[in-house]
N, C-alpha and C. Protein backbone atom coordinates (compact mmCIF):
# COMPACT_ATOMS: atom_id res chain seq x y z
N MET A 1 40.27 -86.02 136.93
CA MET A 1 41.16 -86.58 135.94
C MET A 1 41.86 -87.82 136.47
N THR A 2 42.16 -87.82 137.76
CA THR A 2 42.85 -88.96 138.35
C THR A 2 41.98 -90.21 138.31
N ILE A 3 40.69 -90.04 138.41
CA ILE A 3 39.76 -91.17 138.37
C ILE A 3 39.35 -91.47 136.93
N LEU A 4 39.33 -90.46 136.08
CA LEU A 4 38.86 -90.63 134.71
C LEU A 4 39.73 -91.60 133.91
N PHE A 5 41.04 -91.43 133.94
CA PHE A 5 41.92 -92.26 133.12
C PHE A 5 41.86 -93.74 133.51
N PRO A 6 41.97 -94.09 134.80
CA PRO A 6 41.83 -95.51 135.13
C PRO A 6 40.45 -96.07 134.80
N ALA A 7 39.42 -95.26 134.96
CA ALA A 7 38.07 -95.72 134.62
C ALA A 7 37.95 -95.99 133.12
N LEU A 8 38.51 -95.12 132.30
CA LEU A 8 38.45 -95.32 130.85
C LEU A 8 39.26 -96.55 130.44
N ILE A 9 40.41 -96.74 131.04
CA ILE A 9 41.22 -97.92 130.71
C ILE A 9 40.50 -99.19 131.15
N LEU A 10 39.81 -99.14 132.28
CA LEU A 10 39.03 -100.29 132.74
C LEU A 10 37.89 -100.60 131.78
N ILE A 11 37.21 -99.57 131.29
CA ILE A 11 36.13 -99.76 130.32
C ILE A 11 36.67 -100.41 129.05
N VAL A 12 37.81 -99.93 128.57
CA VAL A 12 38.42 -100.51 127.37
C VAL A 12 38.82 -101.96 127.63
N ALA A 13 39.35 -102.24 128.81
CA ALA A 13 39.72 -103.62 129.15
C ALA A 13 38.50 -104.53 129.15
N ILE A 14 37.38 -104.03 129.64
CA ILE A 14 36.14 -104.82 129.63
C ILE A 14 35.66 -105.03 128.21
N LEU A 15 35.76 -104.00 127.37
CA LEU A 15 35.34 -104.14 125.97
C LEU A 15 36.25 -105.09 125.19
N CYS A 16 37.52 -105.15 125.57
CA CYS A 16 38.47 -106.03 124.88
C CYS A 16 38.51 -107.44 125.47
N ALA A 17 37.85 -107.65 126.60
CA ALA A 17 37.90 -108.96 127.27
C ALA A 17 37.42 -110.12 126.40
N PRO A 18 36.32 -109.98 125.64
CA PRO A 18 35.93 -111.12 124.78
C PRO A 18 37.00 -111.50 123.76
N ALA A 19 37.64 -110.51 123.16
CA ALA A 19 38.72 -110.80 122.21
C ALA A 19 39.90 -111.46 122.93
N TYR A 20 40.18 -111.00 124.13
CA TYR A 20 41.27 -111.60 124.92
C TYR A 20 40.98 -113.06 125.22
N LEU A 21 39.75 -113.36 125.60
CA LEU A 21 39.39 -114.74 125.92
C LEU A 21 39.50 -115.65 124.70
N VAL A 22 39.09 -115.14 123.54
CA VAL A 22 39.23 -115.93 122.31
C VAL A 22 40.70 -116.16 122.01
N SER A 23 41.50 -115.12 122.12
CA SER A 23 42.93 -115.24 121.84
C SER A 23 43.62 -116.14 122.86
N ARG A 24 43.19 -116.07 124.09
CA ARG A 24 43.78 -116.90 125.14
C ARG A 24 43.50 -118.38 124.90
N ARG A 25 42.32 -118.70 124.40
CA ARG A 25 41.98 -120.09 124.09
C ARG A 25 42.80 -120.62 122.93
N LYS A 26 43.11 -119.74 121.97
CA LYS A 26 43.86 -120.16 120.78
C LYS A 26 45.33 -120.41 121.08
N GLY A 27 45.90 -119.63 121.98
CA GLY A 27 47.34 -119.78 122.20
C GLY A 27 47.84 -118.93 123.33
N ASP A 28 49.13 -118.66 123.30
CA ASP A 28 49.82 -117.93 124.35
C ASP A 28 49.64 -116.43 124.14
N GLU A 29 48.76 -115.83 124.90
CA GLU A 29 48.49 -114.39 124.78
C GLU A 29 49.06 -113.66 125.99
N SER A 30 49.56 -112.47 125.76
CA SER A 30 50.13 -111.65 126.82
C SER A 30 49.02 -111.03 127.67
N LYS A 31 49.28 -110.88 128.95
CA LYS A 31 48.33 -110.21 129.84
C LYS A 31 48.24 -108.71 129.52
N TRP A 32 49.24 -108.19 128.84
CA TRP A 32 49.24 -106.79 128.44
C TRP A 32 48.13 -106.47 127.45
N PHE A 33 47.57 -107.49 126.85
CA PHE A 33 46.52 -107.29 125.86
C PHE A 33 45.37 -106.46 126.43
N LEU A 34 45.00 -106.72 127.68
CA LEU A 34 43.86 -106.03 128.28
C LEU A 34 44.13 -104.56 128.58
N ILE A 35 45.38 -104.21 128.77
CA ILE A 35 45.70 -102.80 129.02
C ILE A 35 46.64 -102.27 127.94
N ALA A 36 46.39 -102.65 126.72
CA ALA A 36 47.24 -102.26 125.59
C ALA A 36 47.26 -100.75 125.37
N SER A 37 46.22 -100.06 125.83
CA SER A 37 46.16 -98.61 125.63
C SER A 37 47.03 -97.86 126.64
N LEU A 38 47.47 -98.50 127.70
CA LEU A 38 48.21 -97.82 128.75
C LEU A 38 49.48 -97.12 128.27
N PRO A 39 50.38 -97.77 127.51
CA PRO A 39 51.57 -97.04 127.05
C PRO A 39 51.23 -95.83 126.17
N ALA A 40 50.21 -95.97 125.33
CA ALA A 40 49.82 -94.84 124.47
C ALA A 40 49.27 -93.69 125.30
N ILE A 41 48.48 -93.99 126.32
CA ILE A 41 47.92 -92.94 127.18
C ILE A 41 49.03 -92.27 127.98
N VAL A 42 49.96 -93.05 128.51
CA VAL A 42 51.07 -92.48 129.27
C VAL A 42 51.93 -91.59 128.37
N LEU A 43 52.18 -92.04 127.14
CA LEU A 43 52.94 -91.22 126.19
C LEU A 43 52.18 -89.93 125.89
N TRP A 44 50.88 -90.02 125.67
CA TRP A 44 50.07 -88.84 125.37
C TRP A 44 50.13 -87.85 126.53
N ILE A 45 50.00 -88.34 127.75
CA ILE A 45 50.06 -87.46 128.93
C ILE A 45 51.44 -86.82 129.05
N GLY A 46 52.49 -87.60 128.80
CA GLY A 46 53.84 -87.06 128.86
C GLY A 46 54.08 -85.97 127.82
N LEU A 47 53.63 -86.22 126.59
CA LEU A 47 53.79 -85.22 125.52
C LEU A 47 52.99 -83.97 125.83
N THR A 48 51.80 -84.13 126.37
CA THR A 48 50.99 -82.98 126.75
C THR A 48 51.67 -82.21 127.88
N GLY A 49 52.25 -82.94 128.83
CA GLY A 49 52.92 -82.32 129.96
C GLY A 49 54.11 -81.47 129.57
N ILE A 50 54.84 -81.89 128.54
CA ILE A 50 56.00 -81.10 128.12
C ILE A 50 55.62 -80.03 127.10
N GLY A 51 54.34 -79.97 126.74
CA GLY A 51 53.88 -78.91 125.84
C GLY A 51 53.99 -79.23 124.37
N TYR A 52 54.12 -80.49 124.02
CA TYR A 52 54.24 -80.88 122.61
C TYR A 52 52.85 -80.93 121.98
N GLY A 53 52.70 -80.31 120.84
CA GLY A 53 51.42 -80.34 120.13
C GLY A 53 50.48 -79.24 120.58
N ALA A 54 49.28 -79.29 120.04
CA ALA A 54 48.27 -78.27 120.35
C ALA A 54 47.86 -78.37 121.81
N GLN A 55 47.81 -77.22 122.47
CA GLN A 55 47.45 -77.18 123.88
C GLN A 55 46.08 -76.54 124.05
N SER A 56 45.10 -77.37 124.29
CA SER A 56 43.74 -76.92 124.52
C SER A 56 43.05 -77.98 125.35
N LEU A 57 42.15 -77.55 126.20
CA LEU A 57 41.41 -78.51 127.01
C LEU A 57 40.57 -79.42 126.14
N SER A 58 40.15 -78.93 124.99
CA SER A 58 39.34 -79.74 124.08
C SER A 58 40.15 -80.86 123.44
N ASN A 59 41.46 -80.75 123.46
CA ASN A 59 42.29 -81.80 122.86
C ASN A 59 42.31 -83.08 123.68
N ILE A 60 41.62 -83.09 124.81
CA ILE A 60 41.51 -84.32 125.59
C ILE A 60 40.71 -85.37 124.82
N ILE A 61 39.99 -84.95 123.79
CA ILE A 61 39.26 -85.89 122.94
C ILE A 61 40.21 -86.88 122.29
N GLU A 62 41.48 -86.52 122.17
CA GLU A 62 42.47 -87.43 121.59
C GLU A 62 42.56 -88.73 122.38
N ILE A 63 42.38 -88.65 123.68
CA ILE A 63 42.42 -89.86 124.50
C ILE A 63 41.30 -90.81 124.11
N PHE A 64 40.12 -90.27 123.84
CA PHE A 64 39.01 -91.12 123.43
C PHE A 64 39.28 -91.77 122.08
N TRP A 65 39.96 -91.05 121.19
CA TRP A 65 40.34 -91.64 119.90
C TRP A 65 41.33 -92.78 120.11
N ILE A 66 42.27 -92.60 121.02
CA ILE A 66 43.25 -93.65 121.31
C ILE A 66 42.54 -94.88 121.88
N LEU A 67 41.62 -94.66 122.79
CA LEU A 67 40.91 -95.78 123.41
C LEU A 67 40.01 -96.49 122.40
N LEU A 68 39.36 -95.74 121.53
CA LEU A 68 38.54 -96.36 120.48
C LEU A 68 39.42 -97.17 119.54
N ALA A 69 40.57 -96.61 119.19
CA ALA A 69 41.51 -97.34 118.32
C ALA A 69 42.00 -98.61 119.00
N THR A 70 42.17 -98.58 120.31
CA THR A 70 42.59 -99.77 121.04
C THR A 70 41.59 -100.90 120.89
N VAL A 71 40.31 -100.58 121.04
CA VAL A 71 39.27 -101.61 120.93
C VAL A 71 39.24 -102.17 119.51
N VAL A 72 39.27 -101.29 118.52
CA VAL A 72 39.20 -101.74 117.12
C VAL A 72 40.43 -102.58 116.76
N VAL A 73 41.61 -102.10 117.10
CA VAL A 73 42.85 -102.81 116.77
C VAL A 73 42.93 -104.15 117.52
N SER A 74 42.42 -104.19 118.73
CA SER A 74 42.44 -105.45 119.49
C SER A 74 41.62 -106.53 118.79
N TYR A 75 40.43 -106.17 118.34
CA TYR A 75 39.61 -107.16 117.65
C TYR A 75 40.20 -107.53 116.28
N LEU A 76 40.77 -106.56 115.59
CA LEU A 76 41.44 -106.87 114.32
C LEU A 76 42.61 -107.82 114.54
N LYS A 77 43.36 -107.58 115.60
CA LYS A 77 44.50 -108.44 115.91
C LYS A 77 44.05 -109.87 116.16
N VAL A 78 43.02 -110.04 116.97
CA VAL A 78 42.59 -111.39 117.33
C VAL A 78 41.97 -112.13 116.15
N PHE A 79 41.11 -111.44 115.41
CA PHE A 79 40.34 -112.15 114.39
C PHE A 79 40.96 -112.12 113.00
N LEU A 80 41.99 -111.30 112.77
CA LEU A 80 42.66 -111.30 111.47
C LEU A 80 44.14 -111.68 111.58
N ILE A 81 44.88 -110.96 112.38
CA ILE A 81 46.33 -111.13 112.42
C ILE A 81 46.72 -112.44 113.11
N ASP A 82 46.05 -112.78 114.21
CA ASP A 82 46.42 -114.01 114.92
C ASP A 82 46.13 -115.27 114.11
N ARG A 83 45.27 -115.17 113.12
CA ARG A 83 45.03 -116.32 112.25
C ARG A 83 46.20 -116.58 111.31
N LYS A 84 46.94 -115.53 111.00
CA LYS A 84 48.04 -115.65 110.04
C LYS A 84 49.40 -115.85 110.72
N THR A 85 49.50 -115.52 111.99
CA THR A 85 50.77 -115.64 112.70
C THR A 85 50.65 -116.64 113.84
N GLN A 86 51.77 -117.18 114.23
CA GLN A 86 51.80 -118.14 115.33
C GLN A 86 52.30 -117.50 116.63
N LYS A 87 52.51 -116.19 116.62
CA LYS A 87 53.06 -115.51 117.79
C LYS A 87 52.11 -114.40 118.26
N PRO A 88 51.04 -114.75 118.97
CA PRO A 88 50.10 -113.71 119.41
C PRO A 88 50.71 -112.75 120.43
N ARG A 89 51.65 -113.23 121.23
CA ARG A 89 52.28 -112.35 122.22
C ARG A 89 53.08 -111.24 121.54
N GLN A 90 53.83 -111.61 120.50
CA GLN A 90 54.61 -110.62 119.76
C GLN A 90 53.68 -109.65 119.04
N ALA A 91 52.58 -110.14 118.51
CA ALA A 91 51.61 -109.26 117.83
C ALA A 91 50.99 -108.27 118.81
N THR A 92 50.82 -108.68 120.07
CA THR A 92 50.29 -107.76 121.08
C THR A 92 51.26 -106.62 121.33
N TYR A 93 52.54 -106.93 121.42
CA TYR A 93 53.54 -105.88 121.65
C TYR A 93 53.63 -104.94 120.45
N ILE A 94 53.51 -105.48 119.26
CA ILE A 94 53.49 -104.64 118.06
C ILE A 94 52.26 -103.74 118.07
N MET A 95 51.12 -104.29 118.48
CA MET A 95 49.89 -103.51 118.58
C MET A 95 50.07 -102.35 119.56
N MET A 96 50.70 -102.62 120.70
CA MET A 96 50.92 -101.56 121.68
C MET A 96 51.85 -100.48 121.13
N ALA A 97 52.87 -100.88 120.38
CA ALA A 97 53.78 -99.91 119.77
C ALA A 97 53.04 -99.06 118.74
N LEU A 98 52.19 -99.69 117.94
CA LEU A 98 51.41 -98.93 116.94
C LEU A 98 50.46 -97.94 117.61
N LEU A 99 49.86 -98.33 118.72
CA LEU A 99 48.99 -97.40 119.45
C LEU A 99 49.78 -96.23 120.01
N ALA A 100 51.00 -96.48 120.49
CA ALA A 100 51.84 -95.40 121.00
C ALA A 100 52.26 -94.46 119.86
N ILE A 101 52.57 -95.03 118.71
CA ILE A 101 52.90 -94.19 117.54
C ILE A 101 51.68 -93.36 117.15
N GLY A 102 50.51 -93.97 117.20
CA GLY A 102 49.27 -93.23 116.91
C GLY A 102 49.05 -92.09 117.89
N ALA A 103 49.35 -92.30 119.16
CA ALA A 103 49.22 -91.24 120.16
C ALA A 103 50.18 -90.10 119.86
N PHE A 104 51.41 -90.45 119.47
CA PHE A 104 52.39 -89.42 119.11
C PHE A 104 51.91 -88.62 117.90
N LEU A 105 51.40 -89.32 116.89
CA LEU A 105 50.92 -88.63 115.69
C LEU A 105 49.71 -87.75 115.98
N LEU A 106 48.84 -88.19 116.87
CA LEU A 106 47.71 -87.34 117.26
C LEU A 106 48.20 -86.05 117.91
N ARG A 107 49.18 -86.16 118.81
CA ARG A 107 49.71 -84.96 119.46
C ARG A 107 50.41 -84.06 118.44
N ALA A 108 51.06 -84.66 117.46
CA ALA A 108 51.84 -83.88 116.50
C ALA A 108 50.95 -83.15 115.50
N PHE A 109 49.87 -83.78 115.05
CA PHE A 109 49.12 -83.22 113.93
C PHE A 109 47.71 -82.76 114.24
N MET A 110 47.21 -82.97 115.44
CA MET A 110 45.87 -82.51 115.78
C MET A 110 45.89 -80.99 115.96
N PRO A 111 45.00 -80.29 115.28
CA PRO A 111 44.97 -78.84 115.43
C PRO A 111 44.38 -78.45 116.79
N VAL A 112 44.54 -77.18 117.12
CA VAL A 112 43.93 -76.67 118.35
C VAL A 112 42.42 -76.69 118.17
N LEU A 113 41.74 -77.33 119.08
CA LEU A 113 40.28 -77.41 119.01
C LEU A 113 39.68 -76.31 119.87
N PRO A 114 38.61 -75.67 119.41
CA PRO A 114 38.00 -74.62 120.22
C PRO A 114 37.36 -75.20 121.48
N GLU A 115 37.48 -74.46 122.56
CA GLU A 115 36.92 -74.94 123.83
C GLU A 115 35.46 -74.59 123.97
């Protein structure tokens, strides 16, 4: 598990790198863009650690949903939202907050999955 989470975040950063490069060329983009899933993953681990939500080993699939959402939201941000706004850095922070809210909602409403 100690190696799995950094490896998954690295894979997501590699998948989001083309969008980051496009956004970086257009304007001032935050370096947090590449690890936008990190706050959501840390929140998910914290909520799981305190026993919030369904507790099952199969619920680790929620992390993959968060990471998939990170890739999708990153590309939507760069190719849709950044065209309409002049503040890509602020949009990145909003994206990170939305991913953290999504992680909280996954922990709150995901049922217990059979192992």
